[in-house]
Amino acid sequence: MAEFSKIYLAWRKGKGSRRHIVGLLERSEDNNVTFQYLPQTKDLVKSEGFIPYFEFQHLDKVYDNNVLQIFSHRLIKAERPDINNFYAFWEVDPSKADDRFYLLGKTQGLTASDNFEFLAEYIYHSNVHFLTDLSGLSHINLPKDTVKKGDFLQYTFEDDNQFDKEAVKLSFNGHEIGYIKKIHCRVFHQAPEQSLRIQVKAVEQNGIMRKIFVTVSAG
């Protein structure tokens, strides 16, 4: 069973700004990958100065040629000496390392040069397992060492969230920690109640918690 067949393109104006879902990459059964912007993306051009991805300038077009080849430029080079460590960190199945669509979704296609990221819509199954980093940390300002590697976090649905009706809020020992990213949160709504485990894998911090990476897996 494929872990996902859809990857959403997310964008935000800058660090600390709200994340918007602006596009969709979808792989068909014959492995063709298409890309298109979502209708609401047009509003972001005026409201937040959104600039389309360089190779995909038309907001109304469905792209079906060289989509994966273009987005694959965001992937780390397989020739790097630390590639196995990179795959291990992002929970990549080594047997699928040649699948660029899979790699893009698993590693989020993050780069330091822009504010795009690629969020896979994971499908719930008994072996679901992926890595994600939490959102909302820039607004919560958690003190250093609030959580550590190996800690298990608790989650609740926040149906009244004004920005995301699918929001999944995380806590640790009764303290709010952050949120599961948009799109990644959807698998929680597919899973049986409280059946997913969330464990801290790594943190980036100085005086406060800058990033928290967690694994999500079936319990």
C-alpha atoms as a PDB file:
ATOM      1  CA  MET A   1       0.000   0.000   0.000  1.00  0.00           C
ATOM      2  CA  ALA A   2       1.346   3.435  -0.950  1.00  0.00           C
ATOM      3  CA  GLU A   3       1.909   5.763   2.009  1.00  0.00           C
ATOM      4  CA  PHE A   4       0.484   8.681   0.014  1.00  0.00           C
ATOM      5  CA  SER A   5      -0.495   9.665  -3.513  1.00  0.00           C
ATOM      6  CA  LYS A   6      -0.941  13.395  -2.876  1.00  0.00           C
ATOM      7  CA  ILE A   7       1.608  15.983  -1.793  1.00  0.00           C
ATOM      8  CA  TYR A   8       0.444  19.511  -1.037  1.00  0.00           C
ATOM      9  CA  LEU A   9       2.626  22.539  -1.677  1.00  0.00           C
ATOM     10  CA  ALA A  10       2.687  24.838   1.339  1.00  0.00           C
ATOM     11  CA  TRP A  11       3.964  28.424   1.463  1.00  0.00           C
ATOM     12  CA  ARG A  12       4.303  31.149   4.031  1.00  0.00           C
ATOM     13  CA  LYS A  13       5.448  34.725   3.724  1.00  0.00           C
ATOM     14  CA  GLY A  14       8.220  34.296   6.263  1.00  0.00           C
ATOM     15  CA  LYS A  15       9.242  32.650   9.495  1.00  0.00           C
ATOM     16  CA  GLY A  16       6.440  32.946  12.030  1.00  0.00           C
ATOM     17  CA  SER A  17       3.840  33.679   9.341  1.00  0.00           C
ATOM     18  CA  ARG A  18       0.809  31.482   8.833  1.00  0.00           C
ATOM     19  CA  ARG A  19       1.276  28.471   6.554  1.00  0.00           C
ATOM     20  CA  HIS A  20      -0.965  28.347   3.467  1.00  0.00           C
ATOM     21  CA  ILE A  21      -1.675  25.349   1.259  1.00  0.00           C
ATOM     22  CA  VAL A  22      -1.248  26.661  -2.280  1.00  0.00           C
ATOM     23  CA  GLY A  23      -0.865  23.682  -4.618  1.00  0.00           C
ATOM     24  CA  LEU A  24      -1.263  19.958  -5.154  1.00  0.00           C
ATOM     25  CA  LEU A  25       1.004  17.318  -6.653  1.00  0.00           C
ATOM     26  CA  GLU A  26      -0.851  14.121  -7.411  1.00  0.00           C
ATOM     27  CA  ARG A  27       0.455  10.788  -8.685  1.00  0.00           C
ATOM     28  CA  SER A  28      -1.843   8.610 -10.755  1.00  0.00           C
ATOM     29  CA  GLU A  29      -1.895   4.811 -10.898  1.00  0.00           C
ATOM     30  CA  ASP A  30       0.311   4.931 -14.003  1.00  0.00           C
ATOM     31  CA  ASN A  31       2.861   7.038 -12.021  1.00  0.00           C
ATOM     32  CA  ASN A  32       2.250  10.282 -13.885  1.00  0.00           C
ATOM     33  CA  VAL A  33       2.585  13.317 -11.619  1.00  0.00           C
ATOM     34  CA  THR A  34       0.531  16.476 -12.122  1.00  0.00           C
ATOM     35  CA  PHE A  35       0.680  19.829 -10.363  1.00  0.00           C
ATOM     36  CA  GLN A  36      -1.862  22.606 -10.015  1.00  0.00           C
ATOM     37  CA  TYR A  37      -2.460  25.559  -7.744  1.00  0.00           C
ATOM     38  CA  LEU A  38      -5.529  25.588  -5.517  1.00  0.00           C
ATOM     39  CA  PRO A  39      -8.259  28.203  -6.204  1.00  0.00           C
ATOM     40  CA  GLN A  40      -7.657  30.168  -2.996  1.00  0.00           C
ATOM     41  CA  THR A  41      -4.047  30.808  -3.978  1.00  0.00           C
ATOM     42  CA  LYS A  42      -5.100  33.741  -6.163  1.00  0.00           C
ATOM     43  CA  ASP A  43      -6.182  35.654  -3.062  1.00  0.00           C
ATOM     44  CA  LEU A  44      -2.677  35.343  -1.579  1.00  0.00           C
ATOM     45  CA  VAL A  45      -1.124  37.230  -4.482  1.00  0.00           C
ATOM     46  CA  LYS A  46      -2.797  40.443  -3.288  1.00  0.00           C
ATOM     47  CA  SER A  47      -3.096  39.776   0.417  1.00  0.00           C
ATOM     48  CA  GLU A  48       0.404  38.452   1.131  1.00  0.00           C
ATOM     49  CA  GLY A  49       2.434  38.974  -2.025  1.00  0.00           C
ATOM     50  CA  PHE A  50       2.552  35.329  -3.046  1.00  0.00           C
ATOM     51  CA  ILE A  51       4.838  34.667  -6.014  1.00  0.00           C
ATOM     52  CA  PRO A  52       4.249  31.392  -7.911  1.00  0.00           C
ATOM     53  CA  TYR A  53       6.926  28.747  -8.122  1.00  0.00           C
ATOM     54  CA  PHE A  54       9.384  29.847 -10.843  1.00  0.00           C
ATOM     55  CA  GLU A  55       8.678  27.056 -13.343  1.00  0.00           C
ATOM     56  CA  PHE A  56       4.925  27.080 -12.689  1.00  0.00           C
ATOM     57  CA  GLN A  57       3.736  30.650 -13.175  1.00  0.00           C
ATOM     58  CA  HIS A  58       0.130  30.106 -14.287  1.00  0.00           C
ATOM     59  CA  LEU A  59      -2.335  29.769 -11.429  1.00  0.00           C
ATOM     60  CA  ASP A  60      -5.090  28.217 -13.574  1.00  0.00           C
ATOM     61  CA  LYS A  61      -3.071  25.575 -15.407  1.00  0.00           C
ATOM     62  CA  VAL A  62      -2.756  21.849 -14.705  1.00  0.00           C
ATOM     63  CA  TYR A  63       0.890  20.949 -15.311  1.00  0.00           C
ATOM     64  CA  ASP A  64       1.599  17.397 -16.426  1.00  0.00           C
ATOM     65  CA  ASN A  65       5.023  17.630 -18.055  1.00  0.00           C
ATOM     66  CA  ASN A  66       8.330  17.277 -16.167  1.00  0.00           C
ATOM     67  CA  VAL A  67       6.631  18.131 -12.861  1.00  0.00           C
ATOM     68  CA  LEU A  68       8.573  15.648 -10.773  1.00  0.00           C
ATOM     69  CA  GLN A  69      11.842  16.387 -12.558  1.00  0.00           C
ATOM     70  CA  ILE A  70      11.525  20.077 -11.672  1.00  0.00           C
ATOM     71  CA  PHE A  71      10.579  19.593  -8.034  1.00  0.00           C
ATOM     72  CA  SER A  72      13.250  16.893  -7.638  1.00  0.00           C
ATOM     73  CA  HIS A  73      15.900  19.616  -7.729  1.00  0.00           C
ATOM     74  CA  ARG A  74      14.967  20.223  -4.093  1.00  0.00           C
ATOM     75  CA  LEU A  75      16.082  16.741  -3.074  1.00  0.00           C
ATOM     76  CA  ILE A  76      19.456  16.084  -1.484  1.00  0.00           C
ATOM     77  CA  LYS A  77      21.969  14.497  -3.855  1.00  0.00           C
ATOM     78  CA  ALA A  78      22.218  10.727  -3.508  1.00  0.00           C
ATOM     79  CA  GLU A  79      26.010  10.974  -3.944  1.00  0.00           C
ATOM     80  CA  ARG A  80      26.499  12.815  -0.667  1.00  0.00           C
ATOM     81  CA  PRO A  81      28.561  10.822   1.860  1.00  0.00           C
ATOM     82  CA  ASP A  82      25.967  11.461   4.596  1.00  0.00           C
ATOM     83  CA  ILE A  83      22.987  10.363   2.507  1.00  0.00           C
ATOM     84  CA  ASN A  84      22.250   7.288   4.642  1.00  0.00           C
ATOM     85  CA  ASN A  85      22.145   9.394   7.800  1.00  0.00           C
ATOM     86  CA  PHE A  86      19.814  11.827   6.062  1.00  0.00           C
ATOM     87  CA  TYR A  87      17.465   9.026   5.006  1.00  0.00           C
ATOM     88  CA  ALA A  88      17.539   7.522   8.494  1.00  0.00           C
ATOM     89  CA  PHE A  89      16.631  10.854  10.079  1.00  0.00           C
ATOM     90  CA  TRP A  90      13.649  11.372   7.770  1.00  0.00           C
ATOM     91  CA  GLU A  91      12.404   7.793   8.218  1.00  0.00           C
ATOM     92  CA  VAL A  92      12.963   7.003   4.539  1.00  0.00           C
ATOM     93  CA  ASP A  93      12.620   3.369   3.472  1.00  0.00           C
ATOM     94  CA  PRO A  94      15.981   2.666   1.720  1.00  0.00           C
ATOM     95  CA  SER A  95      14.242   0.374  -0.764  1.00  0.00           C
ATOM     96  CA  LYS A  96      12.282   3.406  -2.033  1.00  0.00           C
ATOM     97  CA  ALA A  97      15.208   5.811  -2.256  1.00  0.00           C
ATOM     98  CA  ASP A  98      14.943   5.911  -6.055  1.00  0.00           C
ATOM     99  CA  ASP A  99      11.311   7.080  -5.912  1.00  0.00           C
ATOM    100  CA  ARG A 100      11.544  10.871  -6.162  1.00  0.00           C
ATOM    101  CA  PHE A 101       7.852  11.461  -5.439  1.00  0.00           C
ATOM    102  CA  TYR A 102       8.187   9.393  -2.265  1.00  0.00           C
ATOM    103  CA  LEU A 103      11.368  11.246  -1.226  1.00  0.00           C
ATOM    104  CA  LEU A 104       9.781  14.641  -1.799  1.00  0.00           C
ATOM    105  CA  GLY A 105       6.877  13.772   0.475  1.00  0.00           C
ATOM    106  CA  LYS A 106       8.966  12.113   3.194  1.00  0.00           C
ATOM    107  CA  THR A 107      11.586  14.877   3.452  1.00  0.00           C
ATOM    108  CA  GLN A 108       9.280  17.865   2.732  1.00  0.00           C
ATOM    109  CA  GLY A 109      11.610  19.257   0.057  1.00  0.00           C
ATOM    110  CA  LEU A 110      12.845  21.978   2.394  1.00  0.00           C
ATOM    111  CA  THR A 111      15.472  24.473   1.238  1.00  0.00           C
ATOM    112  CA  ALA A 112      16.986  27.594   2.782  1.00  0.00           C
ATOM    113  CA  SER A 113      16.315  29.648  -0.350  1.00  0.00           C
ATOM    114  CA  ASP A 114      12.513  29.918  -0.206  1.00  0.00           C
ATOM    115  CA  ASN A 115       9.433  29.408   1.985  1.00  0.00           C
ATOM    116  CA  PHE A 116       7.940  26.411   0.194  1.00  0.00           C
ATOM    117  CA  GLU A 117       7.537  22.935   1.660  1.00  0.00           C
ATOM    118  CA  PHE A 118       5.898  19.724   0.499  1.00  0.00           C
ATOM    119  CA  LEU A 119       3.426  18.017   2.828  1.00  0.00           C
ATOM    120  CA  ALA A 120       2.333  14.476   2.055  1.00  0.00           C
ATOM    121  CA  GLU A 121      -1.251  13.472   2.765  1.00  0.00           C
ATOM    122  CA  TYR A 122      -0.507  10.232   4.597  1.00  0.00           C
ATOM    123  CA  ILE A 123      -3.029   7.423   4.412  1.00  0.00           C
ATOM    124  CA  TYR A 124      -3.722   5.682   7.703  1.00  0.00           C
ATOM    125  CA  HIS A 125      -2.780   2.012   7.963  1.00  0.00           C
ATOM    126  CA  SER A 126      -1.453  -0.208  10.745  1.00  0.00           C
ATOM    127  CA  ASN A 127       2.189   0.523   9.850  1.00  0.00           C
ATOM    128  CA  VAL A 128       1.961   4.259   9.192  1.00  0.00           C
ATOM    129  CA  HIS A 129       5.196   5.969  10.221  1.00  0.00           C
ATOM    130  CA  PHE A 130       6.640   9.353   9.291  1.00  0.00           C
ATOM    131  CA  LEU A 131       8.622  12.317  10.571  1.00  0.00           C
ATOM    132  CA  THR A 132       7.344  15.872  10.818  1.00  0.00           C
ATOM    133  CA  ASP A 133       8.352  19.071  12.580  1.00  0.00           C
ATOM    134  CA  LEU A 134       5.824  20.943  14.672  1.00  0.00           C
ATOM    135  CA  SER A 135       4.180  24.237  13.800  1.00  0.00           C
ATOM    136  CA  GLY A 136       3.332  27.113  16.140  1.00  0.00           C
ATOM    137  CA  LEU A 137       6.611  27.186  18.065  1.00  0.00           C
ATOM    138  CA  SER A 138       7.412  30.776  17.136  1.00  0.00           C
ATOM    139  CA  HIS A 139       4.228  31.904  18.886  1.00  0.00           C
ATOM    140  CA  ILE A 140       4.474  29.715  21.984  1.00  0.00           C
ATOM    141  CA  ASN A 141       8.143  30.429  22.892  1.00  0.00           C
ATOM    142  CA  LEU A 142       8.765  27.245  24.827  1.00  0.00           C
ATOM    143  CA  PRO A 143      11.697  27.389  27.268  1.00  0.00           C
ATOM    144  CA  LYS A 144      14.780  25.316  26.496  1.00  0.00           C
ATOM    145  CA  ASP A 145      14.474  21.605  27.379  1.00  0.00           C
ATOM    146  CA  THR A 146      10.672  21.722  27.617  1.00  0.00           C
ATOM    147  CA  VAL A 147      10.790  18.404  25.800  1.00  0.00           C
ATOM    148  CA  LYS A 148      13.683  16.065  25.042  1.00  0.00           C
ATOM    149  CA  LYS A 149      14.452  13.323  22.578  1.00  0.00           C
ATOM    150  CA  GLY A 150      12.392  10.244  23.408  1.00  0.00           C
ATOM    151  CA  ASP A 151       9.496  12.054  25.093  1.00  0.00           C
ATOM    152  CA  PHE A 152       5.987  10.988  24.065  1.00  0.00           C
ATOM    153  CA  LEU A 153       3.480  13.769  23.396  1.00  0.00           C
ATOM    154  CA  GLN A 154      -0.307  13.758  23.752  1.00  0.00           C
ATOM    155  CA  TYR A 155      -2.709  15.087  21.136  1.00  0.00           C
ATOM    156  CA  THR A 156      -6.216  16.504  20.961  1.00  0.00           C
ATOM    157  CA  PHE A 157      -8.376  17.776  18.098  1.00  0.00           C
ATOM    158  CA  GLU A 158      -9.056  21.504  18.063  1.00  0.00           C
ATOM    159  CA  ASP A 159     -12.229  21.717  15.999  1.00  0.00           C
ATOM    160  CA  ASP A 160     -12.790  25.386  16.819  1.00  0.00           C
ATOM    161  CA  ASN A 161      -9.403  26.473  15.438  1.00  0.00           C
ATOM    162  CA  GLN A 162     -10.127  29.482  13.205  1.00  0.00           C
ATOM    163  CA  PHE A 163      -7.257  28.700  10.816  1.00  0.00           C
ATOM    164  CA  ASP A 164      -7.594  24.930  10.442  1.00  0.00           C
ATOM    165  CA  LYS A 165     -10.659  22.841  11.318  1.00  0.00           C
ATOM    166  CA  GLU A 166      -8.453  19.732  11.179  1.00  0.00           C
ATOM    167  CA  ALA A 167      -5.968  21.133  13.716  1.00  0.00           C
ATOM    168  CA  VAL A 168      -4.228  18.660  16.032  1.00  0.00           C
ATOM    169  CA  LYS A 169      -2.777  20.263  19.178  1.00  0.00           C
ATOM    170  CA  LEU A 170       0.056  18.617  21.086  1.00  0.00           C
ATOM    171  CA  SER A 171       0.858  18.750  24.773  1.00  0.00           C
ATOM    172  CA  PHE A 172       3.390  17.323  27.225  1.00  0.00           C
ATOM    173  CA  ASN A 173       2.587  16.910  30.910  1.00  0.00           C
ATOM    174  CA  GLY A 174      -0.343  19.277  30.488  1.00  0.00           C
ATOM    175  CA  HIS A 175       1.630  22.014  28.711  1.00  0.00           C
ATOM    176  CA  GLU A 176       0.890  23.081  25.149  1.00  0.00           C
ATOM    177  CA  ILE A 177       3.759  22.181  22.828  1.00  0.00           C
ATOM    178  CA  GLY A 178       2.578  23.052  19.318  1.00  0.00           C
ATOM    179  CA  TYR A 179       0.618  21.635  16.401  1.00  0.00           C
ATOM    180  CA  ILE A 180       0.951  18.937  13.802  1.00  0.00           C
ATOM    181  CA  LYS A 181       1.475  20.614  10.434  1.00  0.00           C
ATOM    182  CA  LYS A 182      -1.415  21.116   8.068  1.00  0.00           C
ATOM    183  CA  ILE A 183      -2.083  18.115   5.790  1.00  0.00           C
ATOM    184  CA  HIS A 184       0.030  15.863   8.055  1.00  0.00           C
ATOM    185  CA  CYS A 185      -2.742  16.247  10.626  1.00  0.00           C
ATOM    186  CA  ARG A 186      -5.283  14.523   8.378  1.00  0.00           C
ATOM    187  CA  VAL A 187      -4.021  11.041   9.191  1.00  0.00           C
ATOM    188  CA  PHE A 188      -5.027  11.622  12.833  1.00  0.00           C
ATOM    189  CA  HIS A 189      -8.640  12.020  11.744  1.00  0.00           C
ATOM    190  CA  GLN A 190      -8.491   8.729   9.815  1.00  0.00           C
ATOM    191  CA  ALA A 191      -6.961   6.732  12.666  1.00  0.00           C
ATOM    192  CA  PRO A 192      -8.893   5.027  15.472  1.00  0.00           C
ATOM    193  CA  GLU A 193      -9.199   7.244  18.533  1.00  0.00           C
ATOM    194  CA  GLN A 194      -5.856   7.943  20.243  1.00  0.00           C
ATOM    195  CA  SER A 195      -4.159   5.143  18.290  1.00  0.00           C
ATOM    196  CA  LEU A 196      -1.194   7.162  17.025  1.00  0.00           C
ATOM    197  CA  ARG A 197       2.036   7.645  18.964  1.00  0.00           C
ATOM    198  CA  ILE A 198       3.993  10.889  18.798  1.00  0.00           C
ATOM    199  CA  GLN A 199       7.596  10.732  19.969  1.00  0.00           C
ATOM    200  CA  VAL A 200      10.207  13.488  19.961  1.00  0.00           C
ATOM    201  CA  LYS A 201      13.093  12.538  17.670  1.00  0.00           C
ATOM    202  CA  ALA A 202      15.199  15.704  17.688  1.00  0.00           C
ATOM    203  CA  VAL A 203      15.113  19.326  18.859  1.00  0.00           C
ATOM    204  CA  GLU A 204      16.819  22.547  17.832  1.00  0.00           C
ATOM    205  CA  GLN A 205      17.108  25.084  20.634  1.00  0.00           C
ATOM    206  CA  ASN A 206      19.093  27.878  22.181  1.00  0.00           C
ATOM    207  CA  GLY A 207      17.310  29.912  24.843  1.00  0.00           C
ATOM    208  CA  ILE A 208      13.971  28.618  23.533  1.00  0.00           C
ATOM    209  CA  MET A 209      12.777  25.641  21.491  1.00  0.00           C
ATOM    210  CA  ARG A 210      13.319  26.492  17.817  1.00  0.00           C
ATOM    211  CA  LYS A 211      12.262  23.211  16.190  1.00  0.00           C
ATOM    212  CA  ILE A 212      10.799  19.961  17.429  1.00  0.00           C
ATOM    213  CA  PHE A 213      10.866  16.924  15.143  1.00  0.00           C
ATOM    214  CA  VAL A 214       8.539  14.059  16.016  1.00  0.00           C
ATOM    215  CA  THR A 215       7.807  10.631  14.611  1.00  0.00           C
ATOM    216  CA  VAL A 216       4.164   9.727  14.098  1.00  0.00           C
ATOM    217  CA  SER A 217       3.348   6.034  14.087  1.00  0.00           C
ATOM    218  CA  ALA A 218       0.547   3.587  14.745  1.00  0.00           C
ATOM    219  CA  GLY A 219       0.522   2.421  18.349  1.00  0.00           C
END
